[in-house]
Amino acid sequence: VQLQASGGGLVQAGGSLRLSCAASERTFNDFAMGWFRQAPGKEREFVAAVSGSGITTYYADSVKGRFTISRDKAKNTVYLQMNSLKSEDTAVYYCAADDSYFRLIRWGPRDYWGKGTLVTVSS
């Protein structure tokens, strides 16, 4: 079982990036999916989550109004559209999956983490 994140890179402040997270199994289509990030010297923090149905989303206050999480069940893929990027968004971004939407948001996933993708925002 794998979660493969991609789409990171270098972007100027104010720019946009879209991250993708592809799940290796269709069973993840019923899981809540989320994004977390870890900046240099800081702890990993929650960014955004989408419920298994894709209807409900939740965001950290720091990204609300700038980032949008979505999922395409036909492609087993979750996206994070990041707009109006700031230097403080620089971090390694990780996707995650859990069968509990609330556990994913509150504590992070019980089992499933993807490898990170680096986002660097230059000021």
PDB file of N, CA and C in Angstrom:
ATOM      1  N   VAL A   1       0.854  -1.183   0.000  1.00  0.00           N
ATOM      2  CA  VAL A   1       0.000   0.000   0.000  1.00  0.00           C
ATOM      3  C   VAL A   1       0.893   1.236   0.000  1.00  0.00           C
ATOM      4  N   GLN A   2       0.689   2.090  -0.981  1.00  0.00           N
ATOM      5  CA  GLN A   2       1.539   3.271  -1.091  1.00  0.00           C
ATOM      6  C   GLN A   2       0.722   4.528  -1.370  1.00  0.00           C
ATOM      7  N   LEU A   3       1.222   5.629  -0.843  1.00  0.00           N
ATOM      8  CA  LEU A   3       0.718   6.957  -1.173  1.00  0.00           C
ATOM      9  C   LEU A   3       1.886   7.704  -1.789  1.00  0.00           C
ATOM     10  N   GLN A   4       1.726   8.114  -3.024  1.00  0.00           N
ATOM     11  CA  GLN A   4       2.816   8.761  -3.741  1.00  0.00           C
ATOM     12  C   GLN A   4       2.476  10.218  -3.982  1.00  0.00           C
ATOM     13  N   ALA A   5       3.214  11.094  -3.297  1.00  0.00           N
ATOM     14  CA  ALA A   5       2.998  12.529  -3.454  1.00  0.00           C
ATOM     15  C   ALA A   5       3.928  13.081  -4.524  1.00  0.00           C
ATOM     16  N   SER A   6       3.445  14.079  -5.237  1.00  0.00           N
ATOM     17  CA  SER A   6       4.243  14.738  -6.266  1.00  0.00           C
ATOM     18  C   SER A   6       3.737  16.167  -6.447  1.00  0.00           C
ATOM     19  N   GLY A   7       4.509  16.938  -7.222  1.00  0.00           N
ATOM     20  CA  GLY A   7       4.071  18.278  -7.556  1.00  0.00           C
ATOM     21  C   GLY A   7       4.802  19.391  -6.838  1.00  0.00           C
ATOM     22  N   GLY A   8       5.688  19.040  -5.926  1.00  0.00           N
ATOM     23  CA  GLY A   8       6.435  20.065  -5.226  1.00  0.00           C
ATOM     24  C   GLY A   8       7.435  20.746  -6.144  1.00  0.00           C
ATOM     25  N   GLY A   9       8.003  21.841  -5.662  1.00  0.00           N
ATOM     26  CA  GLY A   9       8.985  22.553  -6.450  1.00  0.00           C
ATOM     27  C   GLY A   9       9.262  23.919  -5.861  1.00  0.00           C
ATOM     28  N   LEU A  10       9.948  24.725  -6.662  1.00  0.00           N
ATOM     29  CA  LEU A  10      10.312  26.081  -6.262  1.00  0.00           C
ATOM     30  C   LEU A  10       9.362  27.072  -6.934  1.00  0.00           C
ATOM     31  N   VAL A  11       8.800  27.969  -6.140  1.00  0.00           N
ATOM     32  CA  VAL A  11       7.870  28.959  -6.676  1.00  0.00           C
ATOM     33  C   VAL A  11       8.081  30.273  -5.950  1.00  0.00           C
ATOM     34  N   GLN A  12       7.814  31.362  -6.633  1.00  0.00           N
ATOM     35  CA  GLN A  12       7.934  32.666  -6.005  1.00  0.00           C
ATOM     36  C   GLN A  12       6.718  32.946  -5.126  1.00  0.00           C
ATOM     37  N   ALA A  13       6.926  33.776  -4.144  1.00  0.00           N
ATOM     38  CA  ALA A  13       5.818  34.180  -3.280  1.00  0.00           C
ATOM     39  C   ALA A  13       4.700  34.767  -4.128  1.00  0.00           C
ATOM     40  N   GLY A  14       3.473  34.395  -3.793  1.00  0.00           N
ATOM     41  CA  GLY A  14       2.315  34.818  -4.554  1.00  0.00           C
ATOM     42  C   GLY A  14       1.925  33.846  -5.647  1.00  0.00           C
ATOM     43  N   GLY A  15       2.785  32.883  -5.913  1.00  0.00           N
ATOM     44  CA  GLY A  15       2.526  31.914  -6.964  1.00  0.00           C
ATOM     45  C   GLY A  15       1.678  30.752  -6.497  1.00  0.00           C
ATOM     46  N   SER A  16       1.534  29.766  -7.384  1.00  0.00           N
ATOM     47  CA  SER A  16       0.680  28.608  -7.120  1.00  0.00           C
ATOM     48  C   SER A  16       1.395  27.311  -7.451  1.00  0.00           C
ATOM     49  N   LEU A  17       0.979  26.269  -6.767  1.00  0.00           N
ATOM     50  CA  LEU A  17       1.413  24.912  -7.057  1.00  0.00           C
ATOM     51  C   LEU A  17       0.242  23.985  -6.788  1.00  0.00           C
ATOM     52  N   ARG A  18       0.242  22.852  -7.460  1.00  0.00           N
ATOM     53  CA  ARG A  18      -0.744  21.817  -7.156  1.00  0.00           C
ATOM     54  C   ARG A  18      -0.020  20.526  -6.825  1.00  0.00           C
ATOM     55  N   LEU A  19      -0.258  20.034  -5.642  1.00  0.00           N
ATOM     56  CA  LEU A  19       0.289  18.755  -5.222  1.00  0.00           C
ATOM     57  C   LEU A  19      -0.711  17.653  -5.523  1.00  0.00           C
ATOM     58  N   SER A  20      -0.180  16.485  -5.824  1.00  0.00           N
ATOM     59  CA  SER A  20      -1.012  15.308  -6.071  1.00  0.00           C
ATOM     60  C   SER A  20      -0.561  14.176  -5.164  1.00  0.00           C
ATOM     61  N   CYS A  21      -1.502  13.351  -4.784  1.00  0.00           N
ATOM     62  CA  CYS A  21      -1.193  12.166  -3.987  1.00  0.00           C
ATOM     63  C   CYS A  21      -1.984  11.008  -4.576  1.00  0.00           C
ATOM     64  N   ALA A  22      -1.273  10.071  -5.162  1.00  0.00           N
ATOM     65  CA  ALA A  22      -1.909   8.914  -5.786  1.00  0.00           C
ATOM     66  C   ALA A  22      -1.829   7.721  -4.850  1.00  0.00           C
ATOM     67  N   ALA A  23      -2.954   7.078  -4.638  1.00  0.00           N
ATOM     68  CA  ALA A  23      -3.014   5.891  -3.793  1.00  0.00           C
ATOM     69  C   ALA A  23      -2.907   4.639  -4.653  1.00  0.00           C
ATOM     70  N   SER A  24      -2.214   3.662  -4.130  1.00  0.00           N
ATOM     71  CA  SER A  24      -1.956   2.461  -4.925  1.00  0.00           C
ATOM     72  C   SER A  24      -3.131   1.500  -4.940  1.00  0.00           C
ATOM     73  N   GLU A  25      -4.073   1.675  -4.034  1.00  0.00           N
ATOM     74  CA  GLU A  25      -5.208   0.762  -3.964  1.00  0.00           C
ATOM     75  C   GLU A  25      -6.521   1.521  -3.931  1.00  0.00           C
ATOM     76  N   ARG A  26      -7.532   0.938  -4.557  1.00  0.00           N
ATOM     77  CA  ARG A  26      -8.822   1.600  -4.612  1.00  0.00           C
ATOM     78  C   ARG A  26      -9.513   1.642  -3.249  1.00  0.00           C
ATOM     79  N   THR A  27      -9.040   0.816  -2.311  1.00  0.00           N
ATOM     80  CA  THR A  27      -9.639   0.836  -0.974  1.00  0.00           C
ATOM     81  C   THR A  27      -9.495   2.200  -0.324  1.00  0.00           C
ATOM     82  N   PHE A  28      -8.497   2.965  -0.751  1.00  0.00           N
ATOM     83  CA  PHE A  28      -8.321   4.287  -0.184  1.00  0.00           C
ATOM     84  C   PHE A  28      -9.408   5.251  -0.615  1.00  0.00           C
ATOM     85  N   ASN A  29     -10.197   4.872  -1.586  1.00  0.00           N
ATOM     86  CA  ASN A  29     -11.282   5.753  -2.009  1.00  0.00           C
ATOM     87  C   ASN A  29     -12.290   5.980  -0.891  1.00  0.00           C
ATOM     88  N   ASP A  30     -12.340   5.094   0.074  1.00  0.00           N
ATOM     89  CA  ASP A  30     -13.264   5.260   1.194  1.00  0.00           C
ATOM     90  C   ASP A  30     -12.597   5.911   2.406  1.00  0.00           C
ATOM     91  N   PHE A  31     -11.322   6.162   2.309  1.00  0.00           N
ATOM     92  CA  PHE A  31     -10.585   6.735   3.424  1.00  0.00           C
ATOM     93  C   PHE A  31     -10.631   8.262   3.375  1.00  0.00           C
ATOM     94  N   ALA A  32     -10.570   8.878   4.532  1.00  0.00           N
ATOM     95  CA  ALA A  32     -10.278  10.299   4.591  1.00  0.00           C
ATOM     96  C   ALA A  32      -8.825  10.491   4.171  1.00  0.00           C
ATOM     97  N   MET A  33      -8.573  11.562   3.448  1.00  0.00           N
ATOM     98  CA  MET A  33      -7.225  11.844   2.980  1.00  0.00           C
ATOM     99  C   MET A  33      -6.831  13.239   3.439  1.00  0.00           C
ATOM    100  N   GLY A  34      -5.548  13.410   3.676  1.00  0.00           N
ATOM    101  CA  GLY A  34      -5.128  14.716   4.163  1.00  0.00           C
ATOM    102  C   GLY A  34      -3.717  15.054   3.758  1.00  0.00           C
ATOM    103  N   TRP A  35      -3.370  16.298   4.003  1.00  0.00           N
ATOM    104  CA  TRP A  35      -2.020  16.805   3.786  1.00  0.00           C
ATOM    105  C   TRP A  35      -1.492  17.388   5.092  1.00  0.00           C
ATOM    106  N   PHE A  36      -0.236  17.087   5.328  1.00  0.00           N
ATOM    107  CA  PHE A  36       0.492  17.636   6.462  1.00  0.00           C
ATOM    108  C   PHE A  36       1.779  18.243   5.923  1.00  0.00           C
ATOM    109  N   ARG A  37       2.433  19.048   6.714  1.00  0.00           N
ATOM    110  CA  ARG A  37       3.706  19.612   6.273  1.00  0.00           C
ATOM    111  C   ARG A  37       4.657  19.765   7.446  1.00  0.00           C
ATOM    112  N   GLN A  38       5.936  19.761   7.103  1.00  0.00           N
ATOM    113  CA  GLN A  38       6.966  19.954   8.123  1.00  0.00           C
ATOM    114  C   GLN A  38       8.007  20.924   7.593  1.00  0.00           C
ATOM    115  N   ALA A  39       8.076  22.057   8.236  1.00  0.00           N
ATOM    116  CA  ALA A  39       9.066  23.067   7.878  1.00  0.00           C
ATOM    117  C   ALA A  39      10.367  22.779   8.613  1.00  0.00           C
ATOM    118  N   PRO A  40      11.484  23.270   8.105  1.00  0.00           N
ATOM    119  CA  PRO A  40      12.771  23.037   8.760  1.00  0.00           C
ATOM    120  C   PRO A  40      12.752  23.476  10.219  1.00  0.00           C
ATOM    121  N   GLY A  41      13.154  22.570  11.093  1.00  0.00           N
ATOM    122  CA  GLY A  41      13.232  22.894  12.503  1.00  0.00           C
ATOM    123  C   GLY A  41      11.910  22.927  13.233  1.00  0.00           C
ATOM    124  N   LYS A  42      10.837  22.532  12.553  1.00  0.00           N
ATOM    125  CA  LYS A  42       9.516  22.567  13.184  1.00  0.00           C
ATOM    126  C   LYS A  42       8.879  21.185  13.162  1.00  0.00           C
ATOM    127  N   GLU A  43       7.849  21.037  13.978  1.00  0.00           N
ATOM    128  CA  GLU A  43       7.118  19.772  14.004  1.00  0.00           C
ATOM    129  C   GLU A  43       6.175  19.691  12.807  1.00  0.00           C
ATOM    130  N   ARG A  44       5.820  18.476  12.466  1.00  0.00           N
ATOM    131  CA  ARG A  44       4.859  18.270  11.400  1.00  0.00           C
ATOM    132  C   ARG A  44       3.500  18.821  11.838  1.00  0.00           C
ATOM    133  N   GLU A  45       2.813  19.473  10.895  1.00  0.00           N
ATOM    134  CA  GLU A  45       1.524  20.060  11.237  1.00  0.00           C
ATOM    135  C   GLU A  45       0.476  19.725  10.186  1.00  0.00           C
ATOM    136  N   PHE A  46      -0.762  19.728  10.628  1.00  0.00           N
ATOM    137  CA  PHE A  46      -1.888  19.466   9.742  1.00  0.00           C
ATOM    138  C   PHE A  46      -2.092  20.649   8.798  1.00  0.00           C
ATOM    139  N   VAL A  47      -2.474  20.323   7.543  1.00  0.00           N
ATOM    140  CA  VAL A  47      -2.757  21.363   6.556  1.00  0.00           C
ATOM    141  C   VAL A  47      -4.215  21.308   6.098  1.00  0.00           C
ATOM    142  N   ALA A  48      -4.645  20.152   5.607  1.00  0.00           N
ATOM    143  CA  ALA A  48      -5.997  20.043   5.058  1.00  0.00           C
ATOM    144  C   ALA A  48      -6.416  18.585   5.012  1.00  0.00           C
ATOM    145  N   ALA A  49      -7.731  18.372   5.032  1.00  0.00           N
ATOM    146  CA  ALA A  49      -8.264  17.011   4.939  1.00  0.00           C
ATOM    147  C   ALA A  49      -9.564  17.019   4.152  1.00  0.00           C
ATOM    148  N   VAL A  50      -9.839  15.890   3.531  1.00  0.00           N
ATOM    149  CA  VAL A  50     -11.089  15.690   2.809  1.00  0.00           C
ATOM    150  C   VAL A  50     -11.670  14.357   3.252  1.00  0.00           C
ATOM    151  N   SER A  51     -12.962  14.319   3.434  1.00  0.00           N
ATOM    152  CA  SER A  51     -13.608  13.096   3.905  1.00  0.00           C
ATOM    153  C   SER A  51     -13.630  12.033   2.810  1.00  0.00           C
ATOM    154  N   GLY A  52     -13.981  10.828   3.216  1.00  0.00           N
ATOM    155  CA  GLY A  52     -14.047   9.731   2.266  1.00  0.00           C
ATOM    156  C   GLY A  52     -15.013  10.001   1.128  1.00  0.00           C
ATOM    157  N   SER A  53     -16.089  10.675   1.414  1.00  0.00           N
ATOM    158  CA  SER A  53     -17.074  10.993   0.374  1.00  0.00           C
ATOM    159  C   SER A  53     -16.601  12.108  -0.542  1.00  0.00           C
ATOM    160  N   GLY A  54     -15.639  12.893  -0.051  1.00  0.00           N
ATOM    161  CA  GLY A  54     -15.185  14.045  -0.819  1.00  0.00           C
ATOM    162  C   GLY A  54     -16.003  15.290  -0.584  1.00  0.00           C
ATOM    163  N   ILE A  55     -17.039  15.184   0.243  1.00  0.00           N
ATOM    164  CA  ILE A  55     -17.951  16.303   0.443  1.00  0.00           C
ATOM    165  C   ILE A  55     -17.435  17.273   1.496  1.00  0.00           C
ATOM    166  N   THR A  56     -16.826  16.732   2.533  1.00  0.00           N
ATOM    167  CA  THR A  56     -16.415  17.562   3.675  1.00  0.00           C
ATOM    168  C   THR A  56     -14.923  17.819   3.639  1.00  0.00           C
ATOM    169  N   THR A  57     -14.553  19.064   3.865  1.00  0.00           N
ATOM    170  CA  THR A  57     -13.145  19.433   3.924  1.00  0.00           C
ATOM    171  C   THR A  57     -12.884  20.260   5.176  1.00  0.00           C
ATOM    172  N   TYR A  58     -11.621  20.283   5.550  1.00  0.00           N
ATOM    173  CA  TYR A  58     -11.218  21.039   6.742  1.00  0.00           C
ATOM    174  C   TYR A  58      -9.803  21.539   6.524  1.00  0.00           C
ATOM    175  N   TYR A  59      -9.549  22.781   6.972  1.00  0.00           N
ATOM    176  CA  TYR A  59      -8.257  23.397   6.730  1.00  0.00           C
ATOM    177  C   TYR A  59      -7.674  23.997   8.006  1.00  0.00           C
ATOM    178  N   ALA A  60      -6.362  24.006   8.057  1.00  0.00           N
ATOM    179  CA  ALA A  60      -5.694  24.766   9.097  1.00  0.00           C
ATOM    180  C   ALA A  60      -5.947  26.248   8.842  1.00  0.00           C
ATOM    181  N   ASP A  61      -6.018  27.018   9.909  1.00  0.00           N
ATOM    182  CA  ASP A  61      -6.284  28.450   9.767  1.00  0.00           C
ATOM    183  C   ASP A  61      -5.238  29.140   8.892  1.00  0.00           C
ATOM    184  N   SER A  62      -4.020  28.644   8.936  1.00  0.00           N
ATOM    185  CA  SER A  62      -2.920  29.294   8.220  1.00  0.00           C
ATOM    186  C   SER A  62      -3.049  29.186   6.705  1.00  0.00           C
ATOM    187  N   VAL A  63      -3.861  28.246   6.221  1.00  0.00           N
ATOM    188  CA  VAL A  63      -3.989  28.064   4.770  1.00  0.00           C
ATOM    189  C   VAL A  63      -5.410  28.297   4.280  1.00  0.00           C
ATOM    190  N   LYS A  64      -6.330  28.532   5.188  1.00  0.00           N
ATOM    191  CA  LYS A  64      -7.730  28.695   4.808  1.00  0.00           C
ATOM    192  C   LYS A  64      -7.881  29.870   3.845  1.00  0.00           C
ATOM    193  N   GLY A  65      -8.607  29.638   2.766  1.00  0.00           N
ATOM    194  CA  GLY A  65      -8.811  30.671   1.756  1.00  0.00           C
ATOM    195  C   GLY A  65      -7.742  30.701   0.685  1.00  0.00           C
ATOM    196  N   ARG A  66      -6.642  29.988   0.906  1.00  0.00           N
ATOM    197  CA  ARG A  66      -5.556  29.951  -0.090  1.00  0.00           C
ATOM    198  C   ARG A  66      -5.373  28.561  -0.681  1.00  0.00           C
ATOM    199  N   PHE A  67      -5.592  27.533   0.122  1.00  0.00           N
ATOM    200  CA  PHE A  67      -5.409  26.151  -0.320  1.00  0.00           C
ATOM    201  C   PHE A  67      -6.767  25.479  -0.482  1.00  0.00           C
ATOM    202  N   THR A  68      -6.820  24.550  -1.445  1.00  0.00           N
ATOM    203  CA  THR A  68      -8.036  23.772  -1.657  1.00  0.00           C
ATOM    204  C   THR A  68      -7.673  22.308  -1.829  1.00  0.00           C
ATOM    205  N   ILE A  69      -8.294  21.461  -1.029  1.00  0.00           N
ATOM    206  CA  ILE A  69      -8.091  20.022  -1.151  1.00  0.00           C
ATOM    207  C   ILE A  69      -9.269  19.422  -1.901  1.00  0.00           C
ATOM    208  N   SER A  70      -8.976  18.454  -2.756  1.00  0.00           N
ATOM    209  CA  SER A  70     -10.030  17.784  -3.515  1.00  0.00           C
ATOM    210  C   SER A  70      -9.569  16.375  -3.820  1.00  0.00           C
ATOM    211  N   ARG A  71     -10.520  15.542  -4.280  1.00  0.00           N
ATOM    212  CA  ARG A  71     -10.144  14.175  -4.617  1.00  0.00           C
ATOM    213  C   ARG A  71     -10.876  13.740  -5.878  1.00  0.00           C
ATOM    214  N   ASP A  72     -10.201  12.880  -6.624  1.00  0.00           N
ATOM    215  CA  ASP A  72     -10.764  12.291  -7.830  1.00  0.00           C
ATOM    216  C   ASP A  72     -10.759  10.781  -7.607  1.00  0.00           C
ATOM    217  N   LYS A  73     -11.921  10.237  -7.296  1.00  0.00           N
ATOM    218  CA  LYS A  73     -11.975   8.821  -6.946  1.00  0.00           C
ATOM    219  C   LYS A  73     -11.680   7.929  -8.141  1.00  0.00           C
ATOM    220  N   ALA A  74     -11.990   8.370  -9.315  1.00  0.00           N
ATOM    221  CA  ALA A  74     -11.706   7.566 -10.504  1.00  0.00           C
ATOM    222  C   ALA A  74     -10.205   7.380 -10.693  1.00  0.00           C
ATOM    223  N   LYS A  75      -9.431   8.346 -10.203  1.00  0.00           N
ATOM    224  CA  LYS A  75      -7.977   8.282 -10.349  1.00  0.00           C
ATOM    225  C   LYS A  75      -7.280   7.916  -9.040  1.00  0.00           C
ATOM    226  N   ASN A  76      -8.041   7.634  -7.990  1.00  0.00           N
ATOM    227  CA  ASN A  76      -7.446   7.326  -6.674  1.00  0.00           C
ATOM    228  C   ASN A  76      -6.459   8.417  -6.250  1.00  0.00           C
ATOM    229  N   THR A  77      -6.800   9.650  -6.508  1.00  0.00           N
ATOM    230  CA  THR A  77      -5.851  10.742  -6.307  1.00  0.00           C
ATOM    231  C   THR A  77      -6.492  11.878  -5.522  1.00  0.00           C
ATOM    232  N   VAL A  78      -5.687  12.461  -4.642  1.00  0.00           N
ATOM    233  CA  VAL A  78      -6.075  13.636  -3.884  1.00  0.00           C
ATOM    234  C   VAL A  78      -5.158  14.784  -4.283  1.00  0.00           C
ATOM    235  N   TYR A  79      -5.718  15.968  -4.360  1.00  0.00           N
ATOM    236  CA  TYR A  79      -4.960  17.140  -4.788  1.00  0.00           C
ATOM    237  C   TYR A  79      -4.951  18.204  -3.693  1.00  0.00           C
ATOM    238  N   LEU A  80      -3.910  19.002  -3.719  1.00  0.00           N
ATOM    239  CA  LEU A  80      -3.864  20.191  -2.873  1.00  0.00           C
ATOM    240  C   LEU A  80      -3.460  21.353  -3.772  1.00  0.00           C
ATOM    241  N   GLN A  81      -4.425  22.188  -4.096  1.00  0.00           N
ATOM    242  CA  GLN A  81      -4.157  23.389  -4.873  1.00  0.00           C
ATOM    243  C   GLN A  81      -3.740  24.488  -3.913  1.00  0.00           C
ATOM    244  N   MET A  82      -2.548  25.002  -4.129  1.00  0.00           N
ATOM    245  CA  MET A  82      -1.991  26.018  -3.234  1.00  0.00           C
ATOM    246  C   MET A  82      -1.814  27.324  -4.004  1.00  0.00           C
ATOM    247  N   ASN A  83      -2.539  28.333  -3.594  1.00  0.00           N
ATOM    248  CA  ASN A  83      -2.466  29.651  -4.227  1.00  0.00           C
ATOM    249  C   ASN A  83      -1.938  30.684  -3.237  1.00  0.00           C
ATOM    250  N   SER A  84      -1.526  31.805  -3.766  1.00  0.00           N
ATOM    251  CA  SER A  84      -1.024  32.915  -2.924  1.00  0.00           C
ATOM    252  C   SER A  84       0.014  32.411  -1.926  1.00  0.00           C
ATOM    253  N   LEU A  85       0.954  31.650  -2.437  1.00  0.00           N
ATOM    254  CA  LEU A  85       1.943  31.037  -1.558  1.00  0.00           C
ATOM    255  C   LEU A  85       2.819  32.075  -0.880  1.00  0.00           C
ATOM    256  N   LYS A  86       3.184  31.746   0.354  1.00  0.00           N
ATOM    257  CA  LYS A  86       4.019  32.611   1.175  1.00  0.00           C
ATOM    258  C   LYS A  86       5.300  31.872   1.541  1.00  0.00           C
ATOM    259  N   SER A  87       6.309  32.606   1.937  1.00  0.00           N
ATOM    260  CA  SER A  87       7.570  31.967   2.310  1.00  0.00           C
ATOM    261  C   SER A  87       7.361  30.989   3.471  1.00  0.00           C
ATOM    262  N   GLU A  88       6.430  31.297   4.340  1.00  0.00           N
ATOM    263  CA  GLU A  88       6.170  30.411   5.478  1.00  0.00           C
ATOM    264  C   GLU A  88       5.469  29.112   5.093  1.00  0.00           C
ATOM    265  N   ASP A  89       5.086  28.977   3.825  1.00  0.00           N
ATOM    266  CA  ASP A  89       4.534  27.709   3.345  1.00  0.00           C
ATOM    267  C   ASP A  89       5.639  26.738   2.941  1.00  0.00           C
ATOM    268  N   THR A  90       6.875  27.194   2.949  1.00  0.00           N
ATOM    269  CA  THR A  90       7.995  26.322   2.609  1.00  0.00           C
ATOM    270  C   THR A  90       8.069  25.171   3.595  1.00  0.00           C
ATOM    271  N   ALA A  91       8.037  23.956   3.056  1.00  0.00           N
ATOM    272  CA  ALA A  91       8.025  22.761   3.903  1.00  0.00           C
ATOM    273  C   ALA A  91       8.048  21.526   3.019  1.00  0.00           C
ATOM    274  N   VAL A  92       8.272  20.398   3.657  1.00  0.00           N
ATOM    275  CA  VAL A  92       8.015  19.124   3.001  1.00  0.00           C
ATOM    276  C   VAL A  92       6.553  18.765   3.271  1.00  0.00           C
ATOM    277  N   TYR A  93       5.832  18.491   2.219  1.00  0.00           N
ATOM    278  CA  TYR A  93       4.411  18.185   2.324  1.00  0.00           C
ATOM    279  C   TYR A  93       4.199  16.681   2.196  1.00  0.00           C
ATOM    280  N   TYR A  94       3.387  16.147   3.109  1.00  0.00           N
ATOM    281  CA  TYR A  94       3.103  14.727   3.151  1.00  0.00           C
ATOM    282  C   TYR A  94       1.605  14.491   2.996  1.00  0.00           C
ATOM    283  N   CYS A  95       1.257  13.487   2.208  1.00  0.00           N
ATOM    284  CA  CYS A  95      -0.139  13.094   2.195  1.00  0.00           C
ATOM    285  C   CYS A  95      -0.331  11.926   3.162  1.00  0.00           C
ATOM    286  N   ALA A  96      -1.554  11.754   3.589  1.00  0.00           N
ATOM    287  CA  ALA A  96      -1.858  10.743   4.601  1.00  0.00           C
ATOM    288  C   ALA A  96      -3.276  10.247   4.407  1.00  0.00           C
ATOM    289  N   ALA A  97      -3.541   9.067   4.934  1.00  0.00           N
ATOM    290  CA  ALA A  97      -4.866   8.468   4.811  1.00  0.00           C
ATOM    291  C   ALA A  97      -5.257   7.799   6.117  1.00  0.00           C
ATOM    292  N   ASP A  98      -6.541   7.846   6.425  1.00  0.00           N
ATOM    293  CA  ASP A  98      -7.046   7.181   7.617  1.00  0.00           C
ATOM    294  C   ASP A  98      -8.518   6.864   7.411  1.00  0.00           C
ATOM    295  N   ASP A  99      -8.976   5.792   8.060  1.00  0.00           N
ATOM    296  CA  ASP A  99     -10.396   5.458   7.907  1.00  0.00           C
ATOM    297  C   ASP A  99     -11.274   6.329   8.804  1.00  0.00           C
ATOM    298  N   SER A 100     -10.662   7.171   9.611  1.00  0.00           N
ATOM    299  CA  SER A 100     -11.408   8.119  10.439  1.00  0.00           C
ATOM    300  C   SER A 100     -11.015   9.549  10.072  1.00  0.00           C
ATOM    301  N   TYR A 101     -11.977  10.302   9.577  1.00  0.00           N
ATOM    302  CA  TYR A 101     -11.756  11.701   9.203  1.00  0.00           C
ATOM    303  C   TYR A 101     -11.324  12.512  10.415  1.00  0.00           C
ATOM    304  N   PHE A 102     -11.973  12.300  11.527  1.00  0.00           N
ATOM    305  CA  PHE A 102     -11.690  13.095  12.716  1.00  0.00           C
ATOM    306  C   PHE A 102     -10.337  12.729  13.337  1.00  0.00           C
ATOM    307  N   ARG A 103      -9.982  11.443  13.313  1.00  0.00           N
ATOM    308  CA  ARG A 103      -8.667  11.067  13.823  1.00  0.00           C
ATOM    309  C   ARG A 103      -7.574  11.660  12.944  1.00  0.00           C
ATOM    310  N   LEU A 104      -7.788  11.637  11.637  1.00  0.00           N
ATOM    311  CA  LEU A 104      -6.800  12.184  10.716  1.00  0.00           C
ATOM    312  C   LEU A 104      -6.524  13.649  11.036  1.00  0.00           C
ATOM    313  N   ILE A 105      -7.585  14.410  11.259  1.00  0.00           N
ATOM    314  CA  ILE A 105      -7.422  15.832  11.543  1.00  0.00           C
ATOM    315  C   ILE A 105      -6.815  16.059  12.924  1.00  0.00           C
ATOM    316  N   ARG A 106      -7.304  15.329  13.902  1.00  0.00           N
ATOM    317  CA  ARG A 106      -6.934  15.612  15.291  1.00  0.00           C
ATOM    318  C   ARG A 106      -5.540  15.090  15.620  1.00  0.00           C
ATOM    319  N   TRP A 107      -5.211  13.881  15.184  1.00  0.00           N
ATOM    320  CA  TRP A 107      -3.956  13.267  15.610  1.00  0.00           C
ATOM    321  C   TRP A 107      -3.035  12.848  14.469  1.00  0.00           C
ATOM    322  N   GLY A 108      -3.528  12.967  13.261  1.00  0.00           N
ATOM    323  CA  GLY A 108      -2.749  12.439  12.147  1.00  0.00           C
ATOM    324  C   GLY A 108      -3.149  11.000  11.890  1.00  0.00           C
ATOM    325  N   PRO A 109      -2.676  10.419  10.799  1.00  0.00           N
ATOM    326  CA  PRO A 109      -3.126   9.078  10.423  1.00  0.00           C
ATOM    327  C   PRO A 109      -2.566   8.001  11.342  1.00  0.00           C
ATOM    328  N   ARG A 110      -3.324   6.945  11.496  1.00  0.00           N
ATOM    329  CA  ARG A 110      -2.868   5.831  12.326  1.00  0.00           C
ATOM    330  C   ARG A 110      -1.773   5.059  11.609  1.00  0.00           C
ATOM    331  N   ASP A 111      -1.919   4.857  10.298  1.00  0.00           N
ATOM    332  CA  ASP A 111      -0.993   3.967   9.609  1.00  0.00           C
ATOM    333  C   ASP A 111      -0.352   4.519   8.331  1.00  0.00           C
ATOM    334  N   TYR A 112      -1.081   5.330   7.576  1.00  0.00           N
ATOM    335  CA  TYR A 112      -0.657   5.568   6.209  1.00  0.00           C
ATOM    336  C   TYR A 112      -0.125   6.984   5.970  1.00  0.00           C
ATOM    337  N   TRP A 113       1.172   7.009   5.693  1.00  0.00           N
ATOM    338  CA  TRP A 113       1.850   8.236   5.287  1.00  0.00           C
ATOM    339  C   TRP A 113       2.475   8.025   3.919  1.00  0.00           C
ATOM    340  N   GLY A 114       2.458   9.078   3.107  1.00  0.00           N
ATOM    341  CA  GLY A 114       3.206   9.028   1.867  1.00  0.00           C
ATOM    342  C   GLY A 114       4.566   9.670   2.073  1.00  0.00           C
ATOM    343  N   LYS A 115       5.454   9.459   1.129  1.00  0.00           N
ATOM    344  CA  LYS A 115       6.730  10.168   1.152  1.00  0.00           C
ATOM    345  C   LYS A 115       6.479  11.623   0.825  1.00  0.00           C
ATOM    346  N   GLY A 116       7.290  12.486   1.349  1.00  0.00           N
ATOM    347  CA  GLY A 116       7.043  13.900   1.193  1.00  0.00           C
ATOM    348  C   GLY A 116       7.479  14.457  -0.145  1.00  0.00           C
ATOM    349  N   THR A 117       6.952  15.640  -0.439  1.00  0.00           N
ATOM    350  CA  THR A 117       7.378  16.392  -1.601  1.00  0.00           C
ATOM    351  C   THR A 117       7.694  17.812  -1.122  1.00  0.00           C
ATOM    352  N   LEU A 118       8.837  18.319  -1.556  1.00  0.00           N
ATOM    353  CA  LEU A 118       9.332  19.591  -1.042  1.00  0.00           C
ATOM    354  C   LEU A 118       8.729  20.767  -1.807  1.00  0.00           C
ATOM    355  N   VAL A 119       8.204  21.706  -1.054  1.00  0.00           N
ATOM    356  CA  VAL A 119       7.711  22.971  -1.606  1.00  0.00           C
ATOM    357  C   VAL A 119       8.573  24.089  -1.044  1.00  0.00           C
ATOM    358  N   THR A 120       9.180  24.851  -1.940  1.00  0.00           N
ATOM    359  CA  THR A 120      10.013  25.973  -1.530  1.00  0.00           C
ATOM    360  C   THR A 120       9.438  27.243  -2.134  1.00  0.00           C
ATOM    361  N   VAL A 121       9.126  28.207  -1.276  1.00  0.00           N
ATOM    362  CA  VAL A 121       8.558  29.473  -1.726  1.00  0.00           C
ATOM    363  C   VAL A 121       9.592  30.564  -1.479  1.00  0.00           C
ATOM    364  N   SER A 122      10.039  31.179  -2.538  1.00  0.00           N
ATOM    365  CA  SER A 122      11.057  32.217  -2.420  1.00  0.00           C
ATOM    366  C   SER A 122      10.392  33.589  -2.310  1.00  0.00           C
ATOM    367  N   SER A 123      10.947  34.408  -1.440  1.00  0.00           N
ATOM    368  CA  SER A 123      10.357  35.744  -1.227  1.00  0.00           C
ATOM    369  C   SER A 123      11.045  36.794  -2.075  1.00  0.00           C
TER     370      SER A 123
END
